Amino acid sequence: RKKRVYLEEKKLLNQKFESELLKTQIEVQEQTMQLISSNLHD
C-alpha cells in the first residue's frame, strides 16, 4: 500500500519538479523499499 502511494507520489513529483531535494526523498524511499523487500524474502 505504501509502495503504491509512493509510486503515485513519485509520478506526480517527476511531473512537477526536478529539484535535488525531491530526488533525494525518492531515493531514500527506494532504499527503504529495497531493504524491506530483500529482508522479507531472504
PDB file of all heavy atoms in Angstrom:
ATOM      1  N   ARG A   1       0.839  -1.197   0.000  1.00  0.00           N
ATOM      2  CA  ARG A   1       0.000   0.000   0.000  1.00  0.00           C
ATOM      3  C   ARG A   1       0.878   1.251   0.000  1.00  0.00           C
ATOM      4  O   ARG A   1       0.640   2.195  -0.737  1.00  0.00           O
ATOM      5  CB  ARG A   1      -0.907  -0.015   1.232  1.00  0.00           C
ATOM      6  CG  ARG A   1      -1.944   1.119   1.219  1.00  0.00           C
ATOM      7  CD  ARG A   1      -2.790   1.112   2.471  1.00  0.00           C
ATOM      8  NE  ARG A   1      -3.594  -0.104   2.560  1.00  0.00           N
ATOM      9  CZ  ARG A   1      -3.674  -0.870   3.643  1.00  0.00           C
ATOM     10  NH1 ARG A   1      -2.989  -0.581   4.720  1.00  0.00           N
ATOM     11  NH2 ARG A   1      -4.458  -1.934   3.641  1.00  0.00           N
ATOM     12  N   LYS A   2       1.908   1.234   0.868  1.00  0.00           N
ATOM     13  CA  LYS A   2       2.835   2.369   0.927  1.00  0.00           C
ATOM     14  C   LYS A   2       3.592   2.514  -0.391  1.00  0.00           C
ATOM     15  O   LYS A   2       3.841   3.621  -0.864  1.00  0.00           O
ATOM     16  CB  LYS A   2       3.830   2.171   2.076  1.00  0.00           C
ATOM     17  CG  LYS A   2       3.317   2.658   3.417  1.00  0.00           C
ATOM     18  CD  LYS A   2       4.398   2.501   4.469  1.00  0.00           C
ATOM     19  CE  LYS A   2       4.035   3.274   5.720  1.00  0.00           C
ATOM     20  NZ  LYS A   2       4.317   4.691   5.613  1.00  0.00           N
ATOM     21  N   LYS A   3       3.955   1.371  -0.992  1.00  0.00           N
ATOM     22  CA  LYS A   3       4.688   1.409  -2.246  1.00  0.00           C
ATOM     23  C   LYS A   3       3.834   2.017  -3.355  1.00  0.00           C
ATOM     24  O   LYS A   3       4.333   2.800  -4.175  1.00  0.00           O
ATOM     25  CB  LYS A   3       5.123  -0.011  -2.636  1.00  0.00           C
ATOM     26  CG  LYS A   3       6.052  -0.037  -3.850  1.00  0.00           C
ATOM     27  CD  LYS A   3       6.564  -1.440  -4.108  1.00  0.00           C
ATOM     28  CE  LYS A   3       7.517  -1.444  -5.298  1.00  0.00           C
ATOM     29  NZ  LYS A   3       8.046  -2.795  -5.565  1.00  0.00           N
ATOM     30  N   ARG A   4       2.532   1.653  -3.367  1.00  0.00           N
ATOM     31  CA  ARG A   4       1.634   2.196  -4.381  1.00  0.00           C
ATOM     32  C   ARG A   4       1.509   3.714  -4.230  1.00  0.00           C
ATOM     33  O   ARG A   4       1.577   4.457  -5.213  1.00  0.00           O
ATOM     34  CB  ARG A   4       0.253   1.530  -4.256  1.00  0.00           C
ATOM     35  CG  ARG A   4      -0.706   1.922  -5.387  1.00  0.00           C
ATOM     36  CD  ARG A   4      -2.005   1.149  -5.345  1.00  0.00           C
ATOM     37  NE  ARG A   4      -2.774   1.423  -4.162  1.00  0.00           N
ATOM     38  CZ  ARG A   4      -2.935   0.582  -3.140  1.00  0.00           C
ATOM     39  NH1 ARG A   4      -2.362  -0.605  -3.168  1.00  0.00           N
ATOM     40  NH2 ARG A   4      -3.653   0.897  -2.089  1.00  0.00           N
ATOM     41  N   VAL A   5       1.345   4.164  -2.970  1.00  0.00           N
ATOM     42  CA  VAL A   5       1.249   5.613  -2.709  1.00  0.00           C
ATOM     43  C   VAL A   5       2.541   6.300  -3.117  1.00  0.00           C
ATOM     44  O   VAL A   5       2.536   7.375  -3.736  1.00  0.00           O
ATOM     45  CB  VAL A   5       0.953   5.863  -1.213  1.00  0.00           C
ATOM     46  CG1 VAL A   5       1.055   7.348  -0.886  1.00  0.00           C
ATOM     47  CG2 VAL A   5      -0.427   5.343  -0.854  1.00  0.00           C
ATOM     48  N   TYR A   6       3.658   5.644  -2.763  1.00  0.00           N
ATOM     49  CA  TYR A   6       4.973   6.205  -3.088  1.00  0.00           C
ATOM     50  C   TYR A   6       5.172   6.345  -4.603  1.00  0.00           C
ATOM     51  O   TYR A   6       5.649   7.365  -5.100  1.00  0.00           O
ATOM     52  CB  TYR A   6       6.054   5.320  -2.459  1.00  0.00           C
ATOM     53  CG  TYR A   6       7.325   5.208  -3.262  1.00  0.00           C
ATOM     54  CD1 TYR A   6       8.205   6.282  -3.381  1.00  0.00           C
ATOM     55  CD2 TYR A   6       7.649   4.005  -3.904  1.00  0.00           C
ATOM     56  CE1 TYR A   6       9.363   6.155  -4.124  1.00  0.00           C
ATOM     57  CE2 TYR A   6       8.795   3.890  -4.642  1.00  0.00           C
ATOM     58  CZ  TYR A   6       9.647   4.968  -4.743  1.00  0.00           C
ATOM     59  OH  TYR A   6      10.788   4.847  -5.480  1.00  0.00           O
ATOM     60  N   LEU A   7       4.739   5.315  -5.362  1.00  0.00           N
ATOM     61  CA  LEU A   7       4.874   5.365  -6.816  1.00  0.00           C
ATOM     62  C   LEU A   7       3.997   6.464  -7.421  1.00  0.00           C
ATOM     63  O   LEU A   7       4.405   7.143  -8.369  1.00  0.00           O
ATOM     64  CB  LEU A   7       4.512   4.005  -7.432  1.00  0.00           C
ATOM     65  CG  LEU A   7       5.514   2.868  -7.185  1.00  0.00           C
ATOM     66  CD1 LEU A   7       4.955   1.545  -7.672  1.00  0.00           C
ATOM     67  CD2 LEU A   7       6.856   3.169  -7.848  1.00  0.00           C
ATOM     68  N   GLU A   8       2.812   6.634  -6.833  1.00  0.00           N
ATOM     69  CA  GLU A   8       1.931   7.716  -7.296  1.00  0.00           C
ATOM     70  C   GLU A   8       2.553   9.081  -7.017  1.00  0.00           C
ATOM     71  O   GLU A   8       2.529   9.984  -7.848  1.00  0.00           O
ATOM     72  CB  GLU A   8       0.562   7.600  -6.616  1.00  0.00           C
ATOM     73  CG  GLU A   8      -0.268   6.416  -7.107  1.00  0.00           C
ATOM     74  CD  GLU A   8      -1.527   6.201  -6.286  1.00  0.00           C
ATOM     75  OE1 GLU A   8      -1.736   6.985  -5.317  1.00  0.00           O
ATOM     76  OE2 GLU A   8      -2.293   5.263  -6.589  1.00  0.00           O
ATOM     77  N   GLU A   9       3.124   9.217  -5.800  1.00  0.00           N
ATOM     78  CA  GLU A   9       3.786  10.479  -5.436  1.00  0.00           C
ATOM     79  C   GLU A   9       4.985  10.736  -6.344  1.00  0.00           C
ATOM     80  O   GLU A   9       5.233  11.865  -6.770  1.00  0.00           O
ATOM     81  CB  GLU A   9       4.228  10.435  -3.973  1.00  0.00           C
ATOM     82  CG  GLU A   9       3.076  10.537  -2.986  1.00  0.00           C
ATOM     83  CD  GLU A   9       3.545  10.421  -1.550  1.00  0.00           C
ATOM     84  OE1 GLU A   9       4.743  10.109  -1.341  1.00  0.00           O
ATOM     85  OE2 GLU A   9       2.723  10.637  -0.639  1.00  0.00           O
ATOM     86  N   LYS A  10       5.725   9.652  -6.626  1.00  0.00           N
ATOM     87  CA  LYS A  10       6.908   9.779  -7.478  1.00  0.00           C
ATOM     88  C   LYS A  10       6.523  10.281  -8.865  1.00  0.00           C
ATOM     89  O   LYS A  10       7.183  11.148  -9.444  1.00  0.00           O
ATOM     90  CB  LYS A  10       7.610   8.412  -7.581  1.00  0.00           C
ATOM     91  CG  LYS A  10       8.860   8.424  -8.442  1.00  0.00           C
ATOM     92  CD  LYS A  10       9.496   7.041  -8.453  1.00  0.00           C
ATOM     93  CE  LYS A  10      10.717   7.020  -9.362  1.00  0.00           C
ATOM     94  NZ  LYS A  10      11.351   5.681  -9.386  1.00  0.00           N
ATOM     95  N   LYS A  11       5.425   9.744  -9.384  1.00  0.00           N
ATOM     96  CA  LYS A  11       4.954  10.156 -10.702  1.00  0.00           C
ATOM     97  C   LYS A  11       4.582  11.634 -10.710  1.00  0.00           C
ATOM     98  O   LYS A  11       4.958  12.387 -11.623  1.00  0.00           O
ATOM     99  CB  LYS A  11       3.742   9.305 -11.093  1.00  0.00           C
ATOM    100  CG  LYS A  11       3.247   9.541 -12.513  1.00  0.00           C
ATOM    101  CD  LYS A  11       2.087   8.620 -12.832  1.00  0.00           C
ATOM    102  CE  LYS A  11       1.574   8.875 -14.253  1.00  0.00           C
ATOM    103  NZ  LYS A  11       0.423   7.981 -14.568  1.00  0.00           N
ATOM    104  N   LEU A  12       3.870  12.059  -9.650  1.00  0.00           N
ATOM    105  CA  LEU A  12       3.474  13.464  -9.552  1.00  0.00           C
ATOM    106  C   LEU A  12       4.683  14.379  -9.395  1.00  0.00           C
ATOM    107  O   LEU A  12       4.761  15.446 -10.026  1.00  0.00           O
ATOM    108  CB  LEU A  12       2.525  13.663  -8.359  1.00  0.00           C
ATOM    109  CG  LEU A  12       1.109  13.087  -8.523  1.00  0.00           C
ATOM    110  CD1 LEU A  12       0.364  13.174  -7.209  1.00  0.00           C
ATOM    111  CD2 LEU A  12       0.356  13.841  -9.620  1.00  0.00           C
ATOM    112  N   LEU A  13       5.633  13.935  -8.554  1.00  0.00           N
ATOM    113  CA  LEU A  13       6.828  14.746  -8.323  1.00  0.00           C
ATOM    114  C   LEU A  13       7.651  14.887  -9.598  1.00  0.00           C
ATOM    115  O   LEU A  13       8.180  15.962  -9.900  1.00  0.00           O
ATOM    116  CB  LEU A  13       7.691  14.118  -7.213  1.00  0.00           C
ATOM    117  CG  LEU A  13       7.114  14.191  -5.794  1.00  0.00           C
ATOM    118  CD1 LEU A  13       7.988  13.417  -4.835  1.00  0.00           C
ATOM    119  CD2 LEU A  13       6.975  15.632  -5.335  1.00  0.00           C
ATOM    120  N   ASN A  14       7.751  13.799 -10.352  1.00  0.00           N
ATOM    121  CA  ASN A  14       8.510  13.842 -11.605  1.00  0.00           C
ATOM    122  C   ASN A  14       7.848  14.767 -12.624  1.00  0.00           C
ATOM    123  O   ASN A  14       8.525  15.373 -13.453  1.00  0.00           O
ATOM    124  CB  ASN A  14       8.650  12.435 -12.192  1.00  0.00           C
ATOM    125  CG  ASN A  14       9.658  11.603 -11.424  1.00  0.00           C
ATOM    126  OD1 ASN A  14      10.501  12.153 -10.720  1.00  0.00           O
ATOM    127  ND2 ASN A  14       9.572  10.300 -11.539  1.00  0.00           N
ATOM    128  N   GLN A  15       6.533  14.854 -12.556  1.00  0.00           N
ATOM    129  CA  GLN A  15       5.815  15.719 -13.479  1.00  0.00           C
ATOM    130  C   GLN A  15       6.000  17.192 -13.103  1.00  0.00           C
ATOM    131  O   GLN A  15       6.081  18.054 -13.959  1.00  0.00           O
ATOM    132  CB  GLN A  15       4.313  15.375 -13.471  1.00  0.00           C
ATOM    133  CG  GLN A  15       3.996  14.047 -14.154  1.00  0.00           C
ATOM    134  CD  GLN A  15       2.545  13.641 -13.975  1.00  0.00           C
ATOM    135  OE1 GLN A  15       1.810  14.242 -13.199  1.00  0.00           O
ATOM    136  NE2 GLN A  15       2.122  12.606 -14.694  1.00  0.00           N
ATOM    137  N   LYS A  16       6.057  17.480 -11.818  1.00  0.00           N
ATOM    138  CA  LYS A  16       6.055  18.869 -11.359  1.00  0.00           C
ATOM    139  C   LYS A  16       7.454  19.424 -11.067  1.00  0.00           C
ATOM    140  O   LYS A  16       7.718  20.599 -11.260  1.00  0.00           O
ATOM    141  CB  LYS A  16       5.194  19.002 -10.097  1.00  0.00           C
ATOM    142  CG  LYS A  16       3.715  18.727 -10.331  1.00  0.00           C
ATOM    143  CD  LYS A  16       2.947  18.842  -9.019  1.00  0.00           C
ATOM    144  CE  LYS A  16       1.471  18.555  -9.227  1.00  0.00           C
ATOM    145  NZ  LYS A  16       0.698  18.623  -7.970  1.00  0.00           N
ATOM    146  N   PHE A  17       8.336  18.586 -10.540  1.00  0.00           N
ATOM    147  CA  PHE A  17       9.627  19.099 -10.063  1.00  0.00           C
ATOM    148  C   PHE A  17      10.799  18.229 -10.520  1.00  0.00           C
ATOM    149  O   PHE A  17      10.650  17.055 -10.774  1.00  0.00           O
ATOM    150  CB  PHE A  17       9.654  19.141  -8.530  1.00  0.00           C
ATOM    151  CG  PHE A  17       8.549  19.928  -7.924  1.00  0.00           C
ATOM    152  CD1 PHE A  17       7.476  19.281  -7.337  1.00  0.00           C
ATOM    153  CD2 PHE A  17       8.565  21.313  -7.932  1.00  0.00           C
ATOM    154  CE1 PHE A  17       6.442  19.994  -6.770  1.00  0.00           C
ATOM    155  CE2 PHE A  17       7.538  22.030  -7.363  1.00  0.00           C
ATOM    156  CZ  PHE A  17       6.472  21.373  -6.780  1.00  0.00           C
ATOM    157  N   GLU A  18      11.980  18.858 -10.577  1.00  0.00           N
ATOM    158  CA  GLU A  18      13.218  18.110 -10.801  1.00  0.00           C
ATOM    159  C   GLU A  18      14.263  18.554  -9.777  1.00  0.00           C
ATOM    160  O   GLU A  18      15.459  18.415 -10.010  1.00  0.00           O
ATOM    161  CB  GLU A  18      13.739  18.375 -12.228  1.00  0.00           C
ATOM    162  CG  GLU A  18      13.005  17.619 -13.321  1.00  0.00           C
ATOM    163  CD  GLU A  18      13.114  16.119 -13.182  1.00  0.00           C
ATOM    164  OE1 GLU A  18      14.175  15.648 -12.737  1.00  0.00           O
ATOM    165  OE2 GLU A  18      12.135  15.431 -13.474  1.00  0.00           O
ATOM    166  N   SER A  19      13.805  19.042  -8.670  1.00  0.00           N
ATOM    167  CA  SER A  19      14.754  19.572  -7.678  1.00  0.00           C
ATOM    168  C   SER A  19      15.530  18.435  -7.019  1.00  0.00           C
ATOM    169  O   SER A  19      15.039  17.310  -6.899  1.00  0.00           O
ATOM    170  CB  SER A  19      14.039  20.397  -6.614  1.00  0.00           C
ATOM    171  OG  SER A  19      13.390  19.553  -5.704  1.00  0.00           O
ATOM    172  N   GLU A  20      16.701  18.739  -6.543  1.00  0.00           N
ATOM    173  CA  GLU A  20      17.568  17.739  -5.916  1.00  0.00           C
ATOM    174  C   GLU A  20      16.962  17.205  -4.623  1.00  0.00           C
ATOM    175  O   GLU A  20      17.144  16.036  -4.282  1.00  0.00           O
ATOM    176  CB  GLU A  20      18.935  18.375  -5.613  1.00  0.00           C
ATOM    177  CG  GLU A  20      20.039  17.384  -5.325  1.00  0.00           C
ATOM    178  CD  GLU A  20      20.437  16.579  -6.552  1.00  0.00           C
ATOM    179  OE1 GLU A  20      20.257  17.067  -7.682  1.00  0.00           O
ATOM    180  OE2 GLU A  20      20.912  15.453  -6.358  1.00  0.00           O
ATOM    181  N   LEU A  21      16.256  18.052  -3.910  1.00  0.00           N
ATOM    182  CA  LEU A  21      15.662  17.622  -2.658  1.00  0.00           C
ATOM    183  C   LEU A  21      14.617  16.544  -2.879  1.00  0.00           C
ATOM    184  O   LEU A  21      14.549  15.550  -2.151  1.00  0.00           O
ATOM    185  CB  LEU A  21      15.031  18.815  -1.936  1.00  0.00           C
ATOM    186  CG  LEU A  21      14.442  18.532  -0.555  1.00  0.00           C
ATOM    187  CD1 LEU A  21      15.508  18.031   0.406  1.00  0.00           C
ATOM    188  CD2 LEU A  21      13.767  19.762   0.000  1.00  0.00           C
ATOM    189  N   LEU A  22      13.787  16.707  -3.913  1.00  0.00           N
ATOM    190  CA  LEU A  22      12.754  15.727  -4.217  1.00  0.00           C
ATOM    191  C   LEU A  22      13.371  14.420  -4.705  1.00  0.00           C
ATOM    192  O   LEU A  22      12.900  13.332  -4.374  1.00  0.00           O
ATOM    193  CB  LEU A  22      11.774  16.291  -5.246  1.00  0.00           C
ATOM    194  CG  LEU A  22      10.909  17.449  -4.722  1.00  0.00           C
ATOM    195  CD1 LEU A  22      10.139  18.105  -5.852  1.00  0.00           C
ATOM    196  CD2 LEU A  22       9.952  16.959  -3.660  1.00  0.00           C
ATOM    197  N   LYS A  23      14.442  14.523  -5.486  1.00  0.00           N
ATOM    198  CA  LYS A  23      15.150  13.312  -5.928  1.00  0.00           C
ATOM    199  C   LYS A  23      15.679  12.554  -4.711  1.00  0.00           C
ATOM    200  O   LYS A  23      15.615  11.324  -4.645  1.00  0.00           O
ATOM    201  CB  LYS A  23      16.317  13.688  -6.840  1.00  0.00           C
ATOM    202  CG  LYS A  23      15.911  14.168  -8.217  1.00  0.00           C
ATOM    203  CD  LYS A  23      17.167  14.478  -9.021  1.00  0.00           C
ATOM    204  CE  LYS A  23      16.824  15.061 -10.388  1.00  0.00           C
ATOM    205  NZ  LYS A  23      18.038  15.422 -11.145  1.00  0.00           N
ATOM    206  N   THR A  24      16.198  13.305  -3.754  1.00  0.00           N
ATOM    207  CA  THR A  24      16.745  12.689  -2.551  1.00  0.00           C
ATOM    208  C   THR A  24      15.667  11.938  -1.786  1.00  0.00           C
ATOM    209  O   THR A  24      15.875  10.815  -1.317  1.00  0.00           O
ATOM    210  CB  THR A  24      17.365  13.774  -1.644  1.00  0.00           C
ATOM    211  OG1 THR A  24      18.368  14.463  -2.374  1.00  0.00           O
ATOM    212  CG2 THR A  24      17.981  13.162  -0.401  1.00  0.00           C
ATOM    213  N   GLN A  25      14.495  12.555  -1.661  1.00  0.00           N
ATOM    214  CA  GLN A  25      13.387  11.925  -0.957  1.00  0.00           C
ATOM    215  C   GLN A  25      12.993  10.607  -1.628  1.00  0.00           C
ATOM    216  O   GLN A  25      12.772   9.590  -0.959  1.00  0.00           O
ATOM    217  CB  GLN A  25      12.184  12.869  -0.922  1.00  0.00           C
ATOM    218  CG  GLN A  25      11.031  12.341  -0.086  1.00  0.00           C
ATOM    219  CD  GLN A  25       9.892  13.343   0.006  1.00  0.00           C
ATOM    220  OE1 GLN A  25       9.868  14.337  -0.715  1.00  0.00           O
ATOM    221  NE2 GLN A  25       8.945  13.072   0.878  1.00  0.00           N
ATOM    222  N   ILE A  26      12.924  10.614  -2.938  1.00  0.00           N
ATOM    223  CA  ILE A  26      12.576   9.400  -3.689  1.00  0.00           C
ATOM    224  C   ILE A  26      13.625   8.317  -3.468  1.00  0.00           C
ATOM    225  O   ILE A  26      13.305   7.148  -3.251  1.00  0.00           O
ATOM    226  CB  ILE A  26      12.438   9.727  -5.191  1.00  0.00           C
ATOM    227  CG1 ILE A  26      11.164  10.552  -5.433  1.00  0.00           C
ATOM    228  CG2 ILE A  26      12.382   8.453  -6.019  1.00  0.00           C
ATOM    229  CD1 ILE A  26      11.076  11.144  -6.830  1.00  0.00           C
ATOM    230  N   GLU A  27      14.896   8.694  -3.498  1.00  0.00           N
ATOM    231  CA  GLU A  27      15.977   7.720  -3.347  1.00  0.00           C
ATOM    232  C   GLU A  27      15.972   7.087  -1.960  1.00  0.00           C
ATOM    233  O   GLU A  27      16.235   5.893  -1.816  1.00  0.00           O
ATOM    234  CB  GLU A  27      17.315   8.392  -3.631  1.00  0.00           C
ATOM    235  CG  GLU A  27      17.534   8.671  -5.109  1.00  0.00           C
ATOM    236  CD  GLU A  27      18.734   9.561  -5.370  1.00  0.00           C
ATOM    237  OE1 GLU A  27      19.341  10.039  -4.399  1.00  0.00           O
ATOM    238  OE2 GLU A  27      19.052   9.780  -6.547  1.00  0.00           O
ATOM    239  N   VAL A  28      15.693   7.903  -0.929  1.00  0.00           N
ATOM    240  CA  VAL A  28      15.616   7.358   0.433  1.00  0.00           C
ATOM    241  C   VAL A  28      14.489   6.336   0.524  1.00  0.00           C
ATOM    242  O   VAL A  28      14.633   5.262   1.107  1.00  0.00           O
ATOM    243  CB  VAL A  28      15.410   8.494   1.464  1.00  0.00           C
ATOM    244  CG1 VAL A  28      15.050   7.924   2.829  1.00  0.00           C
ATOM    245  CG2 VAL A  28      16.678   9.339   1.580  1.00  0.00           C
ATOM    246  N   GLN A  29      13.344   6.652  -0.078  1.00  0.00           N
ATOM    247  CA  GLN A  29      12.212   5.728  -0.068  1.00  0.00           C
ATOM    248  C   GLN A  29      12.542   4.449  -0.836  1.00  0.00           C
ATOM    249  O   GLN A  29      12.204   3.342  -0.407  1.00  0.00           O
ATOM    250  CB  GLN A  29      10.979   6.403  -0.679  1.00  0.00           C
ATOM    251  CG  GLN A  29      10.394   7.498   0.203  1.00  0.00           C
ATOM    252  CD  GLN A  29       9.237   8.225  -0.454  1.00  0.00           C
ATOM    253  OE1 GLN A  29       9.051   8.149  -1.666  1.00  0.00           O
ATOM    254  NE2 GLN A  29       8.462   8.936   0.331  1.00  0.00           N
ATOM    255  N   GLU A  30      13.222   4.578  -1.981  1.00  0.00           N
ATOM    256  CA  GLU A  30      13.599   3.408  -2.772  1.00  0.00           C
ATOM    257  C   GLU A  30      14.538   2.502  -1.989  1.00  0.00           C
ATOM    258  O   GLU A  30      14.407   1.277  -2.012  1.00  0.00           O
ATOM    259  CB  GLU A  30      14.250   3.846  -4.086  1.00  0.00           C
ATOM    260  CG  GLU A  30      13.245   4.351  -5.111  1.00  0.00           C
ATOM    261  CD  GLU A  30      13.908   4.835  -6.390  1.00  0.00           C
ATOM    262  OE1 GLU A  30      15.132   5.093  -6.363  1.00  0.00           O
ATOM    263  OE2 GLU A  30      13.201   4.977  -7.405  1.00  0.00           O
ATOM    264  N   GLN A  31      15.491   3.133  -1.296  1.00  0.00           N
ATOM    265  CA  GLN A  31      16.445   2.369  -0.490  1.00  0.00           C
ATOM    266  C   GLN A  31      15.700   1.576   0.583  1.00  0.00           C
ATOM    267  O   GLN A  31      15.987   0.404   0.831  1.00  0.00           O
ATOM    268  CB  GLN A  31      17.439   3.342   0.162  1.00  0.00           C
ATOM    269  CG  GLN A  31      18.506   2.680   1.014  1.00  0.00           C
ATOM    270  CD  GLN A  31      19.694   2.229   0.199  1.00  0.00           C
ATOM    271  OE1 GLN A  31      19.754   2.460  -0.998  1.00  0.00           O
ATOM    272  NE2 GLN A  31      20.636   1.581   0.844  1.00  0.00           N
ATOM    273  N   THR A  32      14.727   2.216   1.218  1.00  0.00           N
ATOM    274  CA  THR A  32      13.941   1.568   2.264  1.00  0.00           C
ATOM    275  C   THR A  32      13.137   0.404   1.696  1.00  0.00           C
ATOM    276  O   THR A  32      13.101  -0.690   2.272  1.00  0.00           O
ATOM    277  CB  THR A  32      12.995   2.586   2.934  1.00  0.00           C
ATOM    278  OG1 THR A  32      13.774   3.654   3.478  1.00  0.00           O
ATOM    279  CG2 THR A  32      12.198   1.945   4.053  1.00  0.00           C
ATOM    280  N   MET A  33      12.486   0.634   0.555  1.00  0.00           N
ATOM    281  CA  MET A  33      11.670  -0.420  -0.064  1.00  0.00           C
ATOM    282  C   MET A  33      12.519  -1.628  -0.445  1.00  0.00           C
ATOM    283  O   MET A  33      12.130  -2.778  -0.243  1.00  0.00           O
ATOM    284  CB  MET A  33      10.960   0.125  -1.311  1.00  0.00           C
ATOM    285  CG  MET A  33       9.931   1.201  -1.045  1.00  0.00           C
ATOM    286  SD  MET A  33       8.597   0.627   0.023  1.00  0.00           S
ATOM    287  CE  MET A  33       7.645   2.131   0.197  1.00  0.00           C
ATOM    288  N   GLN A  34      13.709  -1.386  -0.994  1.00  0.00           N
ATOM    289  CA  GLN A  34      14.602  -2.479  -1.389  1.00  0.00           C
ATOM    290  C   GLN A  34      15.026  -3.301  -0.178  1.00  0.00           C
ATOM    291  O   GLN A  34      15.080  -4.529  -0.222  1.00  0.00           O
ATOM    292  CB  GLN A  34      15.837  -1.913  -2.102  1.00  0.00           C
ATOM    293  CG  GLN A  34      15.544  -1.409  -3.508  1.00  0.00           C
ATOM    294  CD  GLN A  34      16.735  -0.688  -4.117  1.00  0.00           C
ATOM    295  OE1 GLN A  34      17.824  -0.681  -3.571  1.00  0.00           O
ATOM    296  NE2 GLN A  34      16.510  -0.052  -5.259  1.00  0.00           N
ATOM    297  N   LEU A  35      15.325  -2.586   0.920  1.00  0.00           N
ATOM    298  CA  LEU A  35      15.770  -3.269   2.135  1.00  0.00           C
ATOM    299  C   LEU A  35      14.654  -4.120   2.728  1.00  0.00           C
ATOM    300  O   LEU A  35      14.875  -5.265   3.129  1.00  0.00           O
ATOM    301  CB  LEU A  35      16.245  -2.226   3.161  1.00  0.00           C
ATOM    302  CG  LEU A  35      16.986  -2.735   4.386  1.00  0.00           C
ATOM    303  CD1 LEU A  35      18.169  -3.608   3.997  1.00  0.00           C
ATOM    304  CD2 LEU A  35      17.459  -1.573   5.233  1.00  0.00           C
ATOM    305  N   ILE A  36      13.432  -3.580   2.764  1.00  0.00           N
ATOM    306  CA  ILE A  36      12.287  -4.321   3.288  1.00  0.00           C
ATOM    307  C   ILE A  36      12.024  -5.558   2.426  1.00  0.00           C
ATOM    308  O   ILE A  36      11.841  -6.663   2.931  1.00  0.00           O
ATOM    309  CB  ILE A  36      11.033  -3.430   3.333  1.00  0.00           C
ATOM    310  CG1 ILE A  36      11.184  -2.372   4.423  1.00  0.00           C
ATOM    311  CG2 ILE A  36       9.781  -4.264   3.598  1.00  0.00           C
ATOM    312  CD1 ILE A  36      10.107  -1.313   4.413  1.00  0.00           C
ATOM    313  N   SER A  37      12.027  -5.361   1.115  1.00  0.00           N
ATOM    314  CA  SER A  37      11.743  -6.457   0.192  1.00  0.00           C
ATOM    315  C   SER A  37      12.748  -7.585   0.348  1.00  0.00           C
ATOM    316  O   SER A  37      12.391  -8.764   0.429  1.00  0.00           O
ATOM    317  CB  SER A  37      11.763  -5.925  -1.248  1.00  0.00           C
ATOM    318  OG  SER A  37      11.540  -6.968  -2.155  1.00  0.00           O
ATOM    319  N   SER A  38      14.031  -7.232   0.405  1.00  0.00           N
ATOM    320  CA  SER A  38      15.072  -8.243   0.491  1.00  0.00           C
ATOM    321  C   SER A  38      15.032  -8.987   1.818  1.00  0.00           C
ATOM    322  O   SER A  38      15.250 -10.188   1.877  1.00  0.00           O
ATOM    323  CB  SER A  38      16.438  -7.598   0.244  1.00  0.00           C
ATOM    324  OG  SER A  38      17.176  -7.457   1.369  1.00  0.00           O
ATOM    325  N   ASN A  39      14.703  -8.285   2.916  1.00  0.00           N
ATOM    326  CA  ASN A  39      14.642  -8.935   4.220  1.00  0.00           C
ATOM    327  C   ASN A  39      13.409  -9.825   4.364  1.00  0.00           C
ATOM    328  O   ASN A  39      13.476 -10.873   5.011  1.00  0.00           O
ATOM    329  CB  ASN A  39      14.666  -7.885   5.341  1.00  0.00           C
ATOM    330  CG  ASN A  39      16.093  -7.509   5.714  1.00  0.00           C
ATOM    331  OD1 ASN A  39      16.731  -8.175   6.506  1.00  0.00           O
ATOM    332  ND2 ASN A  39      16.598  -6.455   5.108  1.00  0.00           N
ATOM    333  N   LEU A  40      12.289  -9.414   3.782  1.00  0.00           N
ATOM    334  CA  LEU A  40      11.099 -10.268   3.795  1.00  0.00           C
ATOM    335  C   LEU A  40      11.376 -11.582   3.079  1.00  0.00           C
ATOM    336  O   LEU A  40      10.981 -12.656   3.522  1.00  0.00           O
ATOM    337  CB  LEU A  40       9.926  -9.553   3.118  1.00  0.00           C
ATOM    338  CG  LEU A  40       9.116  -8.583   3.975  1.00  0.00           C
ATOM    339  CD1 LEU A  40       8.118  -7.828   3.113  1.00  0.00           C
ATOM    340  CD2 LEU A  40       8.404  -9.302   5.110  1.00  0.00           C
ATOM    341  N   HIS A  41      12.085 -11.484   1.955  1.00  0.00           N
ATOM    342  CA  HIS A  41      12.345 -12.670   1.131  1.00  0.00           C
ATOM    343  C   HIS A  41      13.451 -13.539   1.721  1.00  0.00           C
ATOM    344  O   HIS A  41      13.285 -14.754   1.880  1.00  0.00           O
ATOM    345  CB  HIS A  41      12.726 -12.227  -0.281  1.00  0.00           C
ATOM    346  CG  HIS A  41      12.992 -13.377  -1.203  1.00  0.00           C
ATOM    347  ND1 HIS A  41      14.263 -13.902  -1.383  1.00  0.00           N
ATOM    348  CD2 HIS A  41      12.169 -14.121  -1.978  1.00  0.00           C
ATOM    349  CE1 HIS A  41      14.193 -14.908  -2.228  1.00  0.00           C
ATOM    350  NE2 HIS A  41      12.939 -15.055  -2.611  1.00  0.00           N
ATOM    351  N   ASP A  42      14.580 -12.901   2.040  1.00  0.00           N
ATOM    352  CA  ASP A  42      15.775 -13.672   2.402  1.00  0.00           C
ATOM    353  C   ASP A  42      15.835 -14.055   3.877  1.00  0.00           C
ATOM    354  O   ASP A  42      16.301 -15.137   4.219  1.00  0.00           O
ATOM    355  CB  ASP A  42      17.041 -12.884   2.054  1.00  0.00           C
ATOM    356  CG  ASP A  42      17.132 -12.595   0.566  1.00  0.00           C
ATOM    357  OD1 ASP A  42      16.562 -13.368  -0.210  1.00  0.00           O
ATOM    358  OD2 ASP A  42      17.754 -11.599   0.194  1.00  0.00           O
TER     359      ASP A  42
END
